[in-house]
Amino acid sequence: MIKASYIETVLLMLGVFFLNFANYRTASALFLALIALLITHLLYKGEKQHD
């Protein structure tokens, strides 16, 4: 299974790559996906610690 941190890193690198080539629409979509994944990851970790 792929760890969430790997996916977060790949999304960040792709976002910076597209931002570098001034493809702002794709970069913002990737950054929004990254933010959503980070929030979900943190919430999941928080719930797991309470169990």
PDB file of N, CA and C in Angstrom:
ATOM      1  N   MET A   1       0.836  -1.193   0.000  1.00  0.00           N
ATOM      2  CA  MET A   1       0.000   0.000   0.000  1.00  0.00           C
ATOM      3  C   MET A   1       0.879   1.254   0.000  1.00  0.00           C
ATOM      4  N   ILE A   2       0.484   2.232  -0.765  1.00  0.00           N
ATOM      5  CA  ILE A   2       1.246   3.478  -0.870  1.00  0.00           C
ATOM      6  C   ILE A   2       0.962   4.343   0.352  1.00  0.00           C
ATOM      7  N   LYS A   3       2.011   4.845   0.966  1.00  0.00           N
ATOM      8  CA  LYS A   3       1.833   5.712   2.123  1.00  0.00           C
ATOM      9  C   LYS A   3       1.318   7.075   1.676  1.00  0.00           C
ATOM     10  N   ALA A   4       0.528   7.701   2.532  1.00  0.00           N
ATOM     11  CA  ALA A   4      -0.039   9.014   2.205  1.00  0.00           C
ATOM     12  C   ALA A   4       1.054  10.061   2.064  1.00  0.00           C
ATOM     13  N   SER A   5       2.136   9.924   2.825  1.00  0.00           N
ATOM     14  CA  SER A   5       3.217  10.915   2.745  1.00  0.00           C
ATOM     15  C   SER A   5       3.883  10.894   1.371  1.00  0.00           C
ATOM     16  N   TYR A   6       3.951   9.717   0.745  1.00  0.00           N
ATOM     17  CA  TYR A   6       4.515   9.642  -0.609  1.00  0.00           C
ATOM     18  C   TYR A   6       3.623  10.385  -1.609  1.00  0.00           C
ATOM     19  N   ILE A   7       2.317  10.188  -1.478  1.00  0.00           N
ATOM     20  CA  ILE A   7       1.378  10.860  -2.379  1.00  0.00           C
ATOM     21  C   ILE A   7       1.443  12.370  -2.168  1.00  0.00           C
ATOM     22  N   GLU A   8       1.544  12.801  -0.905  1.00  0.00           N
ATOM     23  CA  GLU A   8       1.644  14.224  -0.603  1.00  0.00           C
ATOM     24  C   GLU A   8       2.897  14.823  -1.227  1.00  0.00           C
ATOM     25  N   THR A   9       4.002  14.102  -1.146  1.00  0.00           N
ATOM     26  CA  THR A   9       5.255  14.589  -1.726  1.00  0.00           C
ATOM     27  C   THR A   9       5.157  14.704  -3.247  1.00  0.00           C
ATOM     28  N   VAL A  10       4.574  13.700  -3.881  1.00  0.00           N
ATOM     29  CA  VAL A  10       4.425  13.719  -5.335  1.00  0.00           C
ATOM     30  C   VAL A  10       3.515  14.870  -5.773  1.00  0.00           C
ATOM     31  N   LEU A  11       2.402  15.086  -5.060  1.00  0.00           N
ATOM     32  CA  LEU A  11       1.506  16.187  -5.398  1.00  0.00           C
ATOM     33  C   LEU A  11       2.210  17.532  -5.258  1.00  0.00           C
ATOM     34  N   LEU A  12       3.010  17.680  -4.204  1.00  0.00           N
ATOM     35  CA  LEU A  12       3.752  18.926  -4.011  1.00  0.00           C
ATOM     36  C   LEU A  12       4.750  19.149  -5.135  1.00  0.00           C
ATOM     37  N   MET A  13       5.485  18.107  -5.503  1.00  0.00           N
ATOM     38  CA  MET A  13       6.479  18.239  -6.567  1.00  0.00           C
ATOM     39  C   MET A  13       5.816  18.550  -7.908  1.00  0.00           C
ATOM     40  N   LEU A  14       4.688  17.880  -8.207  1.00  0.00           N
ATOM     41  CA  LEU A  14       3.977  18.158  -9.453  1.00  0.00           C
ATOM     42  C   LEU A  14       3.412  19.573  -9.468  1.00  0.00           C
ATOM     43  N   GLY A  15       2.894  20.030  -8.313  1.00  0.00           N
ATOM     44  CA  GLY A  15       2.365  21.389  -8.227  1.00  0.00           C
ATOM     45  C   GLY A  15       3.435  22.426  -8.497  1.00  0.00           C
ATOM     46  N   VAL A  16       4.606  22.227  -7.904  1.00  0.00           N
ATOM     47  CA  VAL A  16       5.725  23.158  -8.134  1.00  0.00           C
ATOM     48  C   VAL A  16       6.187  23.087  -9.584  1.00  0.00           C
ATOM     49  N   PHE A  17       6.201  21.884 -10.161  1.00  0.00           N
ATOM     50  CA  PHE A  17       6.593  21.719 -11.563  1.00  0.00           C
ATOM     51  C   PHE A  17       5.671  22.505 -12.487  1.00  0.00           C
ATOM     52  N   PHE A  18       4.346  22.364 -12.306  1.00  0.00           N
ATOM     53  CA  PHE A  18       3.406  23.075 -13.165  1.00  0.00           C
ATOM     54  C   PHE A  18       3.415  24.572 -12.888  1.00  0.00           C
ATOM     55  N   LEU A  19       3.667  24.955 -11.636  1.00  0.00           N
ATOM     56  CA  LEU A  19       3.763  26.374 -11.296  1.00  0.00           C
ATOM     57  C   LEU A  19       4.969  27.002 -11.987  1.00  0.00           C
ATOM     58  N   ASN A  20       6.045  26.230 -12.111  1.00  0.00           N
ATOM     59  CA  ASN A  20       7.258  26.702 -12.766  1.00  0.00           C
ATOM     60  C   ASN A  20       7.006  27.037 -14.236  1.00  0.00           C
ATOM     61  N   PHE A  21       6.126  26.292 -14.883  1.00  0.00           N
ATOM     62  CA  PHE A  21       5.834  26.530 -16.290  1.00  0.00           C
ATOM     63  C   PHE A  21       4.583  27.388 -16.486  1.00  0.00           C
ATOM     64  N   ALA A  22       4.182  28.102 -15.426  1.00  0.00           N
ATOM     65  CA  ALA A  22       3.070  29.062 -15.456  1.00  0.00           C
ATOM     66  C   ALA A  22       1.748  28.422 -15.875  1.00  0.00           C
ATOM     67  N   ASN A  23       1.580  27.146 -15.537  1.00  0.00           N
ATOM     68  CA  ASN A  23       0.296  26.484 -15.764  1.00  0.00           C
ATOM     69  C   ASN A  23      -0.471  26.549 -14.445  1.00  0.00           C
ATOM     70  N   TYR A  24      -1.018  27.745 -14.168  1.00  0.00           N
ATOM     71  CA  TYR A  24      -1.572  28.029 -12.844  1.00  0.00           C
ATOM     72  C   TYR A  24      -2.824  27.227 -12.539  1.00  0.00           C
ATOM     73  N   ARG A  25      -3.628  26.931 -13.553  1.00  0.00           N
ATOM     74  CA  ARG A  25      -4.867  26.186 -13.309  1.00  0.00           C
ATOM     75  C   ARG A  25      -4.554  24.766 -12.830  1.00  0.00           C
ATOM     76  N   THR A  26      -3.622  24.109 -13.489  1.00  0.00           N
ATOM     77  CA  THR A  26      -3.247  22.758 -13.077  1.00  0.00           C
ATOM     78  C   THR A  26      -2.543  22.777 -11.723  1.00  0.00           C
ATOM     79  N   ALA A  27      -1.671  23.764 -11.523  1.00  0.00           N
ATOM     80  CA  ALA A  27      -0.948  23.856 -10.255  1.00  0.00           C
ATOM     81  C   ALA A  27      -1.908  24.086  -9.100  1.00  0.00           C
ATOM     82  N   SER A  28      -2.909  24.970  -9.291  1.00  0.00           N
ATOM     83  CA  SER A  28      -3.840  25.209  -8.182  1.00  0.00           C
ATOM     84  C   SER A  28      -4.697  23.989  -7.896  1.00  0.00           C
ATOM     85  N   ALA A  29      -5.058  23.227  -8.923  1.00  0.00           N
ATOM     86  CA  ALA A  29      -5.819  21.996  -8.693  1.00  0.00           C
ATOM     87  C   ALA A  29      -4.979  20.991  -7.903  1.00  0.00           C
ATOM     88  N   LEU A  30      -3.701  20.884  -8.237  1.00  0.00           N
ATOM     89  CA  LEU A  30      -2.819  19.966  -7.508  1.00  0.00           C
ATOM     90  C   LEU A  30      -2.615  20.411  -6.066  1.00  0.00           C
ATOM     91  N   PHE A  31      -2.453  21.726  -5.853  1.00  0.00           N
ATOM     92  CA  PHE A  31      -2.271  22.221  -4.496  1.00  0.00           C
ATOM     93  C   PHE A  31      -3.538  22.039  -3.670  1.00  0.00           C
ATOM     94  N   LEU A  32      -4.708  22.201  -4.275  1.00  0.00           N
ATOM     95  CA  LEU A  32      -5.960  21.954  -3.553  1.00  0.00           C
ATOM     96  C   LEU A  32      -6.087  20.477  -3.177  1.00  0.00           C
ATOM     97  N   ALA A  33      -5.696  19.595  -4.096  1.00  0.00           N
ATOM     98  CA  ALA A  33      -5.713  18.163  -3.789  1.00  0.00           C
ATOM     99  C   ALA A  33      -4.735  17.847  -2.666  1.00  0.00           C
ATOM    100  N   LEU A  34      -3.582  18.496  -2.681  1.00  0.00           N
ATOM    101  CA  LEU A  34      -2.587  18.294  -1.632  1.00  0.00           C
ATOM    102  C   LEU A  34      -3.123  18.749  -0.283  1.00  0.00           C
ATOM    103  N   ILE A  35      -3.754  19.911  -0.236  1.00  0.00           N
ATOM    104  CA  ILE A  35      -4.319  20.423   1.016  1.00  0.00           C
ATOM    105  C   ILE A  35      -5.405  19.483   1.539  1.00  0.00           C
ATOM    106  N   ALA A  36      -6.266  19.017   0.645  1.00  0.00           N
ATOM    107  CA  ALA A  36      -7.331  18.093   1.056  1.00  0.00           C
ATOM    108  C   ALA A  36      -6.742  16.794   1.598  1.00  0.00           C
ATOM    109  N   LEU A  37      -5.711  16.274   0.941  1.00  0.00           N
ATOM    110  CA  LEU A  37      -5.081  15.038   1.408  1.00  0.00           C
ATOM    111  C   LEU A  37      -4.383  15.242   2.740  1.00  0.00           C
ATOM    112  N   LEU A  38      -3.715  16.384   2.920  1.00  0.00           N
ATOM    113  CA  LEU A  38      -3.044  16.659   4.189  1.00  0.00           C
ATOM    114  C   LEU A  38      -4.047  16.743   5.337  1.00  0.00           C
ATOM    115  N   ILE A  39      -5.161  17.426   5.116  1.00  0.00           N
ATOM    116  CA  ILE A  39      -6.183  17.558   6.156  1.00  0.00           C
ATOM    117  C   ILE A  39      -6.771  16.186   6.492  1.00  0.00           C
ATOM    118  N   THR A  40      -7.071  15.409   5.461  1.00  0.00           N
ATOM    119  CA  THR A  40      -7.611  14.065   5.686  1.00  0.00           C
ATOM    120  C   THR A  40      -6.611  13.193   6.436  1.00  0.00           C
ATOM    121  N   HIS A  41      -5.362  13.285   6.063  1.00  0.00           N
ATOM    122  CA  HIS A  41      -4.306  12.507   6.710  1.00  0.00           C
ATOM    123  C   HIS A  41      -4.186  12.887   8.185  1.00  0.00           C
ATOM    124  N   LEU A  42      -4.206  14.189   8.476  1.00  0.00           N
ATOM    125  CA  LEU A  42      -4.097  14.639   9.865  1.00  0.00           C
ATOM    126  C   LEU A  42      -5.311  14.226  10.685  1.00  0.00           C
ATOM    127  N   LEU A  43      -6.498  14.327  10.092  1.00  0.00           N
ATOM    128  CA  LEU A  43      -7.708  13.903  10.808  1.00  0.00           C
ATOM    129  C   LEU A  43      -7.685  12.404  11.083  1.00  0.00           C
ATOM    130  N   TYR A  44      -7.242  11.629  10.117  1.00  0.00           N
ATOM    131  CA  TYR A  44      -7.175  10.179  10.286  1.00  0.00           C
ATOM    132  C   TYR A  44      -6.166   9.815  11.377  1.00  0.00           C
ATOM    133  N   LYS A  45      -4.999  10.505  11.371  1.00  0.00           N
ATOM    134  CA  LYS A  45      -4.003  10.252  12.400  1.00  0.00           C
ATOM    135  C   LYS A  45      -4.534  10.613  13.781  1.00  0.00           C
ATOM    136  N   GLY A  46      -5.291  11.720  13.860  1.00  0.00           N
ATOM    137  CA  GLY A  46      -5.857  12.139  15.132  1.00  0.00           C
ATOM    138  C   GLY A  46      -6.865  11.139  15.659  1.00  0.00           C
ATOM    139  N   GLU A  47      -7.712  10.603  14.779  1.00  0.00           N
ATOM    140  CA  GLU A  47      -8.693   9.601  15.191  1.00  0.00           C
ATOM    141  C   GLU A  47      -8.016   8.305  15.613  1.00  0.00           C
ATOM    142  N   LYS A  48      -6.948   7.948  14.912  1.00  0.00           N
ATOM    143  CA  LYS A  48      -6.242   6.699  15.209  1.00  0.00           C
ATOM    144  C   LYS A  48      -5.580   6.777  16.574  1.00  0.00           C
ATOM    145  N   GLN A  49      -5.097   7.942  16.972  1.00  0.00           N
ATOM    146  CA  GLN A  49      -4.428   8.094  18.263  1.00  0.00           C
ATOM    147  C   GLN A  49      -5.438   8.032  19.416  1.00  0.00           C
ATOM    148  N   HIS A  50      -6.689   8.447  19.169  1.00  0.00           N
ATOM    149  CA  HIS A  50      -7.692   8.428  20.220  1.00  0.00           C
ATOM    150  C   HIS A  50      -8.193   7.019  20.524  1.00  0.00           C
ATOM    151  N   ASP A  51      -8.026   6.100  19.580  1.00  0.00           N
ATOM    152  CA  ASP A  51      -8.527   4.729  19.778  1.00  0.00           C
ATOM    153  C   ASP A  51      -7.689   3.953  20.761  1.00  0.00           C
TER     154      ASP A  51
END
